[in-house]
Amino acid sequence: MYISIDLGGTNTRVASSKDLKSILGVEKVHTEQNVAIERKVILDAIRKLSGGEKIERTCIGIPGMVNKKNMKFNKIPNIPSLTGLSYEELFRNEIDPGILLVENDATLAGLGEAVMGAGQNYDVVAYLTLGTGVGGVRISGKKIDPHQNYSEPGHMIIQEEGRFFKPCEQHGCLESYISGTAFKQIHGVSPSECEDQDIWDKYAKKLALGIINTLAMWGPDIVVLGGSMANKFETYFKDPLLEQLSRHELFTIPPIVRSALGDDSGIYGGLVLLSQSI
């Protein structure tokens, strides 16, 4: 039995698999800011899904930066109580660190899309997740770039001395304009409830800046958009986004598509990473 955990800023999803290709079962719970409560929630879900079977390996995606060498969580903006903790402190040795893989959550989602989802027919995939925060990754040859120490395109600065964003304590980063958290702060309405096309046009302009920078840095064959806000892609911001991107003549604009795996991208990515590590 294998376990893949997607610990998001809003929800935590725990999945089980026996073949590292298909999902046997999924438990979805609200992400708790209190580490002790979140630990219990995750472990309870694992026990329920495993049914007492031996866990061979576990993968967990974390919404922030991890130090794999020291086995610690570096900066986790949307779950600050995790910042600085070791893997052992999160699970209190109830999960053996020797069978645990830890990766950025957007990295796992991108890996899932590149191997099993919207990017499976492309070599170089840029994945951007638009949710509570903004993350992303470059996948090449169906694998995570081993030299990419950080996977945080949401924290690129797109406006000097721009708006201050408390979760990351930066001014003018991409996440401070296009994340779900920022969207509600700026426009006074949650993305899921917004039907104002003028607002989505403004959103598309900021997102276009992030995508152009992503093209300049990563040179992808396709850009896949995931996260809860991508559910509005076709209806509200695809056309204004493509119109903005068409104004840039330096780079060839690759296909820009919505994720095929949706909320399951991260847990599928965890299964892929587990299979690649065996």
C-alpha atoms as a PDB file:
ATOM      1  CA  MET A   1       0.000   0.000   0.000  1.00  0.00           C
ATOM      2  CA  TYR A   2       1.246   3.487  -0.937  1.00  0.00           C
ATOM      3  CA  ILE A   3       0.022   6.838   0.380  1.00  0.00           C
ATOM      4  CA  SER A   4       0.056  10.193  -1.434  1.00  0.00           C
ATOM      5  CA  ILE A   5      -0.789  13.340   0.544  1.00  0.00           C
ATOM      6  CA  ASP A   6      -1.543  16.767  -0.912  1.00  0.00           C
ATOM      7  CA  LEU A   7      -1.364  19.258   1.961  1.00  0.00           C
ATOM      8  CA  GLY A   8      -2.828  22.416   0.462  1.00  0.00           C
ATOM      9  CA  GLY A   9      -3.347  25.809   2.014  1.00  0.00           C
ATOM     10  CA  THR A  10      -7.115  25.190   2.168  1.00  0.00           C
ATOM     11  CA  ASN A  11      -7.684  21.435   1.909  1.00  0.00           C
ATOM     12  CA  THR A  12      -5.688  18.295   2.581  1.00  0.00           C
ATOM     13  CA  ARG A  13      -6.208  15.252   0.357  1.00  0.00           C
ATOM     14  CA  VAL A  14      -4.911  11.828   1.322  1.00  0.00           C
ATOM     15  CA  ALA A  15      -4.985   9.019  -1.246  1.00  0.00           C
ATOM     16  CA  SER A  16      -4.063   5.352  -1.271  1.00  0.00           C
ATOM     17  CA  SER A  17      -2.811   3.197  -4.134  1.00  0.00           C
ATOM     18  CA  LYS A  18      -1.616  -0.354  -4.590  1.00  0.00           C
ATOM     19  CA  ASP A  19      -0.087  -0.028  -8.057  1.00  0.00           C
ATOM     20  CA  LEU A  20       1.155   3.625  -8.111  1.00  0.00           C
ATOM     21  CA  LYS A  21      -0.998   4.173 -11.203  1.00  0.00           C
ATOM     22  CA  SER A  22      -4.551   4.293  -9.917  1.00  0.00           C
ATOM     23  CA  ILE A  23      -6.126   5.763  -6.806  1.00  0.00           C
ATOM     24  CA  LEU A  24      -7.794   3.265  -4.499  1.00  0.00           C
ATOM     25  CA  GLY A  25      -9.393   5.750  -2.121  1.00  0.00           C
ATOM     26  CA  VAL A  26      -9.304   9.440  -1.176  1.00  0.00           C
ATOM     27  CA  GLU A  27     -10.009  11.336   2.030  1.00  0.00           C
ATOM     28  CA  LYS A  28     -10.471  15.116   1.749  1.00  0.00           C
ATOM     29  CA  VAL A  29     -10.390  17.310   4.878  1.00  0.00           C
ATOM     30  CA  HIS A  30      -9.955  20.973   5.710  1.00  0.00           C
ATOM     31  CA  THR A  31      -6.319  21.930   6.332  1.00  0.00           C
ATOM     32  CA  GLU A  32      -5.791  22.843   9.974  1.00  0.00           C
ATOM     33  CA  GLN A  33      -3.339  25.586  10.935  1.00  0.00           C
ATOM     34  CA  ASN A  34      -2.624  23.847  14.242  1.00  0.00           C
ATOM     35  CA  VAL A  35       0.113  21.270  13.587  1.00  0.00           C
ATOM     36  CA  ALA A  36      -1.114  18.827  16.230  1.00  0.00           C
ATOM     37  CA  ILE A  37      -4.639  18.822  14.788  1.00  0.00           C
ATOM     38  CA  GLU A  38      -3.389  18.532  11.197  1.00  0.00           C
ATOM     39  CA  ARG A  39      -1.139  15.627  12.204  1.00  0.00           C
ATOM     40  CA  LYS A  40      -4.100  13.769  13.706  1.00  0.00           C
ATOM     41  CA  VAL A  41      -6.285  14.471  10.668  1.00  0.00           C
ATOM     42  CA  ILE A  42      -3.655  13.084   8.289  1.00  0.00           C
ATOM     43  CA  LEU A  43      -2.857  10.021  10.377  1.00  0.00           C
ATOM     44  CA  ASP A  44      -6.550   9.218  10.859  1.00  0.00           C
ATOM     45  CA  ALA A  45      -7.054   9.405   7.088  1.00  0.00           C
ATOM     46  CA  ILE A  46      -4.070   7.122   6.461  1.00  0.00           C
ATOM     47  CA  ARG A  47      -5.365   4.541   8.941  1.00  0.00           C
ATOM     48  CA  LYS A  48      -8.799   4.613   7.332  1.00  0.00           C
ATOM     49  CA  LEU A  49      -7.445   4.232   3.805  1.00  0.00           C
ATOM     50  CA  SER A  50      -4.856   1.567   4.589  1.00  0.00           C
ATOM     51  CA  GLY A  51      -7.223  -0.647   6.523  1.00  0.00           C
ATOM     52  CA  GLY A  52      -4.323  -1.986   8.529  1.00  0.00           C
ATOM     53  CA  GLU A  53      -2.181  -2.893   5.502  1.00  0.00           C
ATOM     54  CA  LYS A  54       1.529  -2.145   5.617  1.00  0.00           C
ATOM     55  CA  ILE A  55       2.487   1.236   4.156  1.00  0.00           C
ATOM     56  CA  GLU A  56       5.424   0.731   1.789  1.00  0.00           C
ATOM     57  CA  ARG A  57       6.120   4.398   1.070  1.00  0.00           C
ATOM     58  CA  THR A  58       4.465   7.778   1.540  1.00  0.00           C
ATOM     59  CA  CYS A  59       4.743  11.042  -0.395  1.00  0.00           C
ATOM     60  CA  ILE A  60       3.517  14.406   0.856  1.00  0.00           C
ATOM     61  CA  GLY A  61       3.219  17.688  -1.019  1.00  0.00           C
ATOM     62  CA  ILE A  62       3.737  20.853   1.057  1.00  0.00           C
ATOM     63  CA  PRO A  63       2.631  24.390   0.004  1.00  0.00           C
ATOM     64  CA  GLY A  64       6.038  26.009   0.402  1.00  0.00           C
ATOM     65  CA  MET A  65       9.779  25.417   0.471  1.00  0.00           C
ATOM     66  CA  VAL A  66      11.342  22.277   1.922  1.00  0.00           C
ATOM     67  CA  ASN A  67      14.941  21.495   2.844  1.00  0.00           C
ATOM     68  CA  LYS A  68      15.382  17.908   1.716  1.00  0.00           C
ATOM     69  CA  LYS A  69      18.978  17.729   2.915  1.00  0.00           C
ATOM     70  CA  ASN A  70      18.107  18.646   6.504  1.00  0.00           C
ATOM     71  CA  MET A  71      14.616  17.105   6.280  1.00  0.00           C
ATOM     72  CA  LYS A  72      12.909  20.311   7.390  1.00  0.00           C
ATOM     73  CA  PHE A  73      10.144  22.574   6.182  1.00  0.00           C
ATOM     74  CA  ASN A  74      11.663  25.938   5.298  1.00  0.00           C
ATOM     75  CA  LYS A  75       9.083  28.651   4.592  1.00  0.00           C
ATOM     76  CA  ILE A  76       5.415  27.614   4.425  1.00  0.00           C
ATOM     77  CA  PRO A  77       3.544  30.937   3.935  1.00  0.00           C
ATOM     78  CA  ASN A  78      -0.011  29.574   4.023  1.00  0.00           C
ATOM     79  CA  ILE A  79       0.614  27.192   6.957  1.00  0.00           C
ATOM     80  CA  PRO A  80       3.150  29.183   9.020  1.00  0.00           C
ATOM     81  CA  SER A  81       3.001  26.726  11.930  1.00  0.00           C
ATOM     82  CA  LEU A  82       4.919  24.229   9.753  1.00  0.00           C
ATOM     83  CA  THR A  83       7.804  26.619   9.080  1.00  0.00           C
ATOM     84  CA  GLY A  84      11.035  25.357  10.607  1.00  0.00           C
ATOM     85  CA  LEU A  85       9.668  21.972  11.694  1.00  0.00           C
ATOM     86  CA  SER A  86      11.406  18.730  10.826  1.00  0.00           C
ATOM     87  CA  TYR A  87       9.606  15.855   9.117  1.00  0.00           C
ATOM     88  CA  GLU A  88       9.766  13.938  12.395  1.00  0.00           C
ATOM     89  CA  GLU A  89       8.093  16.815  14.273  1.00  0.00           C
ATOM     90  CA  LEU A  90       5.156  16.800  11.875  1.00  0.00           C
ATOM     91  CA  PHE A  91       4.488  13.082  12.198  1.00  0.00           C
ATOM     92  CA  ARG A  92       6.078  12.365  15.600  1.00  0.00           C
ATOM     93  CA  ASN A  93       7.720   9.213  14.189  1.00  0.00           C
ATOM     94  CA  GLU A  94       4.352   7.667  13.329  1.00  0.00           C
ATOM     95  CA  ILE A  95       5.585   7.728   9.733  1.00  0.00           C
ATOM     96  CA  ASP A  96       9.152   6.512   9.298  1.00  0.00           C
ATOM     97  CA  PRO A  97      11.179   9.312   7.619  1.00  0.00           C
ATOM     98  CA  GLY A  98      12.979   6.554   5.717  1.00  0.00           C
ATOM     99  CA  ILE A  99       9.838   5.795   3.685  1.00  0.00           C
ATOM    100  CA  LEU A 100       8.718   9.416   3.369  1.00  0.00           C
ATOM    101  CA  LEU A 101       9.207  11.647   0.320  1.00  0.00           C
ATOM    102  CA  VAL A 102       8.503  15.363   0.773  1.00  0.00           C
ATOM    103  CA  GLU A 103       8.077  17.760  -2.145  1.00  0.00           C
ATOM    104  CA  ASN A 104       6.472  21.107  -2.954  1.00  0.00           C
ATOM    105  CA  ASP A 105       2.758  20.604  -3.640  1.00  0.00           C
ATOM    106  CA  ALA A 106       2.748  22.491  -6.951  1.00  0.00           C
ATOM    107  CA  THR A 107       5.767  20.455  -8.072  1.00  0.00           C
ATOM    108  CA  LEU A 108       3.843  17.247  -7.499  1.00  0.00           C
ATOM    109  CA  ALA A 109       0.767  18.616  -9.269  1.00  0.00           C
ATOM    110  CA  GLY A 110       2.918  19.575 -12.254  1.00  0.00           C
ATOM    111  CA  LEU A 111       4.518  16.134 -12.319  1.00  0.00           C
ATOM    112  CA  GLY A 112       1.085  14.530 -12.259  1.00  0.00           C
ATOM    113  CA  GLU A 113      -0.109  16.669 -15.178  1.00  0.00           C
ATOM    114  CA  ALA A 114       3.085  16.067 -17.166  1.00  0.00           C
ATOM    115  CA  VAL A 115       2.898  12.284 -16.847  1.00  0.00           C
ATOM    116  CA  MET A 116      -0.827  11.528 -16.566  1.00  0.00           C
ATOM    117  CA  GLY A 117      -2.674  14.715 -17.480  1.00  0.00           C
ATOM    118  CA  ALA A 118      -2.787  17.676 -19.848  1.00  0.00           C
ATOM    119  CA  GLY A 119       0.968  17.705 -20.513  1.00  0.00           C
ATOM    120  CA  GLN A 120       1.549  14.024 -21.186  1.00  0.00           C
ATOM    121  CA  ASN A 121       2.191  14.581 -24.910  1.00  0.00           C
ATOM    122  CA  TYR A 122       4.803  17.290 -24.328  1.00  0.00           C
ATOM    123  CA  ASP A 123       8.438  17.158 -23.246  1.00  0.00           C
ATOM    124  CA  VAL A 124       8.786  20.423 -21.308  1.00  0.00           C
ATOM    125  CA  VAL A 125       5.757  21.331 -19.202  1.00  0.00           C
ATOM    126  CA  ALA A 126       5.310  24.514 -17.175  1.00  0.00           C
ATOM    127  CA  TYR A 127       2.678  24.085 -14.509  1.00  0.00           C
ATOM    128  CA  LEU A 128       1.174  27.008 -12.575  1.00  0.00           C
ATOM    129  CA  THR A 129      -1.295  26.439  -9.773  1.00  0.00           C
ATOM    130  CA  LEU A 130      -3.759  29.243  -9.063  1.00  0.00           C
ATOM    131  CA  GLY A 131      -5.308  28.630  -5.664  1.00  0.00           C
ATOM    132  CA  THR A 132      -4.951  29.940  -2.133  1.00  0.00           C
ATOM    133  CA  GLY A 133      -1.392  30.726  -3.206  1.00  0.00           C
ATOM    134  CA  VAL A 134       0.442  30.522  -6.528  1.00  0.00           C
ATOM    135  CA  GLY A 135       3.041  27.855  -7.221  1.00  0.00           C
ATOM    136  CA  GLY A 136       4.513  26.056 -10.180  1.00  0.00           C
ATOM    137  CA  VAL A 137       7.199  23.881 -11.639  1.00  0.00           C
ATOM    138  CA  ARG A 138       9.101  23.028 -14.800  1.00  0.00           C
ATOM    139  CA  ILE A 139       8.903  19.343 -15.742  1.00  0.00           C
ATOM    140  CA  SER A 140      11.301  18.080 -18.409  1.00  0.00           C
ATOM    141  CA  GLY A 141      11.318  14.548 -19.773  1.00  0.00           C
ATOM    142  CA  LYS A 142       8.552  13.582 -17.313  1.00  0.00           C
ATOM    143  CA  LYS A 143      10.786  14.379 -14.342  1.00  0.00           C
ATOM    144  CA  ILE A 144      11.297  17.235 -11.904  1.00  0.00           C
ATOM    145  CA  ASP A 145      14.373  19.260 -12.776  1.00  0.00           C
ATOM    146  CA  PRO A 146      16.927  17.977 -10.207  1.00  0.00           C
ATOM    147  CA  HIS A 147      18.687  21.359 -10.159  1.00  0.00           C
ATOM    148  CA  GLN A 148      15.543  23.347  -9.380  1.00  0.00           C
ATOM    149  CA  ASN A 149      15.966  23.921  -5.656  1.00  0.00           C
ATOM    150  CA  TYR A 150      12.863  26.092  -5.372  1.00  0.00           C
ATOM    151  CA  SER A 151       9.553  25.897  -7.188  1.00  0.00           C
ATOM    152  CA  GLU A 152       8.018  29.257  -6.336  1.00  0.00           C
ATOM    153  CA  PRO A 153       7.122  31.259  -9.468  1.00  0.00           C
ATOM    154  CA  GLY A 154       4.314  32.855  -7.473  1.00  0.00           C
ATOM    155  CA  HIS A 155       6.920  34.866  -5.602  1.00  0.00           C
ATOM    156  CA  MET A 156       8.501  36.462  -8.672  1.00  0.00           C
ATOM    157  CA  ILE A 157       8.256  40.268  -8.405  1.00  0.00           C
ATOM    158  CA  ILE A 158       6.092  41.737 -11.148  1.00  0.00           C
ATOM    159  CA  GLN A 159       5.735  45.267  -9.759  1.00  0.00           C
ATOM    160  CA  GLU A 160       8.425  47.203  -7.922  1.00  0.00           C
ATOM    161  CA  GLU A 161       7.134  48.488  -4.569  1.00  0.00           C
ATOM    162  CA  GLY A 162       3.807  46.796  -5.323  1.00  0.00           C
ATOM    163  CA  ARG A 163       1.186  45.692  -2.845  1.00  0.00           C
ATOM    164  CA  PHE A 164       2.407  44.080   0.368  1.00  0.00           C
ATOM    165  CA  PHE A 165       1.357  40.452   0.804  1.00  0.00           C
ATOM    166  CA  LYS A 166       1.384  39.203   4.370  1.00  0.00           C
ATOM    167  CA  PRO A 167       1.789  35.413   3.734  1.00  0.00           C
ATOM    168  CA  CYS A 168       5.191  35.860   2.076  1.00  0.00           C
ATOM    169  CA  GLU A 169       5.980  39.371   3.374  1.00  0.00           C
ATOM    170  CA  GLN A 170       6.959  40.638  -0.064  1.00  0.00           C
ATOM    171  CA  HIS A 171       5.907  43.629  -2.138  1.00  0.00           C
ATOM    172  CA  GLY A 172       4.613  43.205  -5.674  1.00  0.00           C
ATOM    173  CA  CYS A 173       4.952  39.454  -6.184  1.00  0.00           C
ATOM    174  CA  LEU A 174       2.748  37.567  -8.629  1.00  0.00           C
ATOM    175  CA  GLU A 175       0.925  35.798  -5.801  1.00  0.00           C
ATOM    176  CA  SER A 176      -0.029  39.142  -4.258  1.00  0.00           C
ATOM    177  CA  TYR A 177      -2.172  39.844  -7.340  1.00  0.00           C
ATOM    178  CA  ILE A 178      -3.477  36.550  -8.734  1.00  0.00           C
ATOM    179  CA  SER A 179      -3.848  34.125  -5.812  1.00  0.00           C
ATOM    180  CA  GLY A 180      -7.294  33.374  -4.438  1.00  0.00           C
ATOM    181  CA  THR A 181      -6.330  35.132  -1.212  1.00  0.00           C
ATOM    182  CA  ALA A 182      -5.227  38.280  -3.046  1.00  0.00           C
ATOM    183  CA  PHE A 183      -8.229  38.206  -5.396  1.00  0.00           C
ATOM    184  CA  LYS A 184     -10.659  38.578  -2.498  1.00  0.00           C
ATOM    185  CA  GLN A 185      -8.533  41.270  -0.843  1.00  0.00           C
ATOM    186  CA  ILE A 186      -8.313  43.340  -4.024  1.00  0.00           C
ATOM    187  CA  HIS A 187     -11.789  42.878  -5.461  1.00  0.00           C
ATOM    188  CA  GLY A 188     -13.892  42.194  -2.359  1.00  0.00           C
ATOM    189  CA  VAL A 189     -15.350  38.988  -3.743  1.00  0.00           C
ATOM    190  CA  SER A 190     -14.140  35.404  -3.795  1.00  0.00           C
ATOM    191  CA  PRO A 191     -13.070  34.032  -7.216  1.00  0.00           C
ATOM    192  CA  SER A 192     -15.715  31.306  -7.051  1.00  0.00           C
ATOM    193  CA  GLU A 193     -18.466  33.926  -6.788  1.00  0.00           C
ATOM    194  CA  CYS A 194     -17.096  36.542  -9.182  1.00  0.00           C
ATOM    195  CA  GLU A 195     -18.959  36.996 -12.478  1.00  0.00           C
ATOM    196  CA  ASP A 196     -17.656  40.488 -13.265  1.00  0.00           C
ATOM    197  CA  GLN A 197     -15.783  40.274 -16.568  1.00  0.00           C
ATOM    198  CA  ASP A 198     -13.964  43.567 -15.932  1.00  0.00           C
ATOM    199  CA  ILE A 199     -12.395  42.044 -12.811  1.00  0.00           C
ATOM    200  CA  TRP A 200     -11.331  38.939 -14.708  1.00  0.00           C
ATOM    201  CA  ASP A 201      -9.847  41.120 -17.469  1.00  0.00           C
ATOM    202  CA  LYS A 202      -7.657  42.814 -14.849  1.00  0.00           C
ATOM    203  CA  TYR A 203      -6.767  39.423 -13.431  1.00  0.00           C
ATOM    204  CA  ALA A 204      -5.718  38.194 -16.881  1.00  0.00           C
ATOM    205  CA  LYS A 205      -3.334  41.141 -17.306  1.00  0.00           C
ATOM    206  CA  LYS A 206      -1.448  40.244 -14.129  1.00  0.00           C
ATOM    207  CA  LEU A 207      -1.424  36.535 -14.944  1.00  0.00           C
ATOM    208  CA  ALA A 208      -0.047  37.323 -18.418  1.00  0.00           C
ATOM    209  CA  LEU A 209       2.982  38.988 -16.808  1.00  0.00           C
ATOM    210  CA  GLY A 210       3.681  35.847 -14.809  1.00  0.00           C
ATOM    211  CA  ILE A 211       3.317  33.608 -17.847  1.00  0.00           C
ATOM    212  CA  ILE A 212       5.628  35.763 -19.991  1.00  0.00           C
ATOM    213  CA  ASN A 213       8.272  35.587 -17.257  1.00  0.00           C
ATOM    214  CA  THR A 214       7.723  31.840 -17.045  1.00  0.00           C
ATOM    215  CA  LEU A 215       8.254  31.484 -20.798  1.00  0.00           C
ATOM    216  CA  ALA A 216      11.453  33.524 -20.526  1.00  0.00           C
ATOM    217  CA  MET A 217      12.840  31.362 -17.720  1.00  0.00           C
ATOM    218  CA  TRP A 218      11.577  27.884 -18.569  1.00  0.00           C
ATOM    219  CA  GLY A 219      10.875  27.745 -22.334  1.00  0.00           C
ATOM    220  CA  PRO A 220       7.977  25.265 -22.043  1.00  0.00           C
ATOM    221  CA  ASP A 221       6.187  23.403 -24.814  1.00  0.00           C
ATOM    222  CA  ILE A 222       2.889  23.878 -22.949  1.00  0.00           C
ATOM    223  CA  VAL A 223       1.615  25.808 -19.938  1.00  0.00           C
ATOM    224  CA  VAL A 224      -0.876  23.983 -17.723  1.00  0.00           C
ATOM    225  CA  LEU A 225      -2.992  25.969 -15.255  1.00  0.00           C
ATOM    226  CA  GLY A 226      -4.259  24.194 -12.165  1.00  0.00           C
ATOM    227  CA  GLY A 227      -5.787  25.069  -8.815  1.00  0.00           C
ATOM    228  CA  SER A 228      -9.318  26.129  -7.961  1.00  0.00           C
ATOM    229  CA  MET A 229      -9.156  29.387  -9.913  1.00  0.00           C
ATOM    230  CA  ALA A 230      -8.382  27.513 -13.116  1.00  0.00           C
ATOM    231  CA  ASN A 231     -12.019  26.392 -13.024  1.00  0.00           C
ATOM    232  CA  LYS A 232     -12.843  29.893 -14.288  1.00  0.00           C
ATOM    233  CA  PHE A 233     -10.332  29.698 -17.136  1.00  0.00           C
ATOM    234  CA  GLU A 234     -12.556  28.923 -20.138  1.00  0.00           C
ATOM    235  CA  THR A 235     -15.475  31.044 -18.940  1.00  0.00           C
ATOM    236  CA  TYR A 236     -13.776  34.225 -17.744  1.00  0.00           C
ATOM    237  CA  PHE A 237     -10.082  34.694 -18.365  1.00  0.00           C
ATOM    238  CA  LYS A 238      -8.878  32.502 -21.240  1.00  0.00           C
ATOM    239  CA  ASP A 239      -9.732  34.988 -23.994  1.00  0.00           C
ATOM    240  CA  PRO A 240      -8.388  38.132 -22.246  1.00  0.00           C
ATOM    241  CA  LEU A 241      -5.270  36.187 -21.210  1.00  0.00           C
ATOM    242  CA  LEU A 242      -4.533  35.024 -24.756  1.00  0.00           C
ATOM    243  CA  GLU A 243      -5.214  38.549 -26.028  1.00  0.00           C
ATOM    244  CA  GLN A 244      -2.649  39.947 -23.593  1.00  0.00           C
ATOM    245  CA  LEU A 245      -0.098  37.279 -24.479  1.00  0.00           C
ATOM    246  CA  SER A 246      -0.558  37.904 -28.220  1.00  0.00           C
ATOM    247  CA  ARG A 247       0.912  41.397 -27.736  1.00  0.00           C
ATOM    248  CA  HIS A 248       4.305  39.925 -26.828  1.00  0.00           C
ATOM    249  CA  GLU A 249       6.321  39.141 -29.938  1.00  0.00           C
ATOM    250  CA  LEU A 250       9.605  37.973 -28.412  1.00  0.00           C
ATOM    251  CA  PHE A 251       8.396  34.521 -27.381  1.00  0.00           C
ATOM    252  CA  THR A 252       6.274  31.981 -29.204  1.00  0.00           C
ATOM    253  CA  ILE A 253       3.210  31.421 -27.062  1.00  0.00           C
ATOM    254  CA  PRO A 254       2.704  27.682 -26.462  1.00  0.00           C
ATOM    255  CA  PRO A 255      -0.683  26.116 -25.743  1.00  0.00           C
ATOM    256  CA  ILE A 256      -2.194  27.421 -22.488  1.00  0.00           C
ATOM    257  CA  VAL A 257      -4.596  24.845 -21.060  1.00  0.00           C
ATOM    258  CA  ARG A 258      -6.423  23.930 -17.869  1.00  0.00           C
ATOM    259  CA  SER A 259      -5.280  20.903 -15.896  1.00  0.00           C
ATOM    260  CA  ALA A 260      -6.849  17.591 -16.851  1.00  0.00           C
ATOM    261  CA  LEU A 261      -6.565  15.977 -13.412  1.00  0.00           C
ATOM    262  CA  GLY A 262      -8.076  18.857 -11.441  1.00  0.00           C
ATOM    263  CA  ASP A 263      -7.911  18.464  -7.675  1.00  0.00           C
ATOM    264  CA  ASP A 264      -6.221  15.078  -8.101  1.00  0.00           C
ATOM    265  CA  SER A 265      -3.110  16.473  -9.840  1.00  0.00           C
ATOM    266  CA  GLY A 266      -1.048  16.562  -6.650  1.00  0.00           C
ATOM    267  CA  ILE A 267      -1.908  13.109  -5.401  1.00  0.00           C
ATOM    268  CA  TYR A 268      -1.256  11.602  -8.836  1.00  0.00           C
ATOM    269  CA  GLY A 269       2.054  13.455  -8.871  1.00  0.00           C
ATOM    270  CA  GLY A 270       2.888  11.887  -5.536  1.00  0.00           C
ATOM    271  CA  LEU A 271       2.271   8.442  -6.998  1.00  0.00           C
ATOM    272  CA  VAL A 272       4.495   9.269  -9.988  1.00  0.00           C
ATOM    273  CA  LEU A 273       7.309  10.460  -7.727  1.00  0.00           C
ATOM    274  CA  LEU A 274       7.002   7.339  -5.577  1.00  0.00           C
ATOM    275  CA  SER A 275       7.186   5.121  -8.681  1.00  0.00           C
ATOM    276  CA  GLN A 276      10.239   7.010  -9.955  1.00  0.00           C
ATOM    277  CA  SER A 277      11.990   6.611  -6.596  1.00  0.00           C
ATOM    278  CA  ILE A 278      11.708   2.825  -6.388  1.00  0.00           C
END
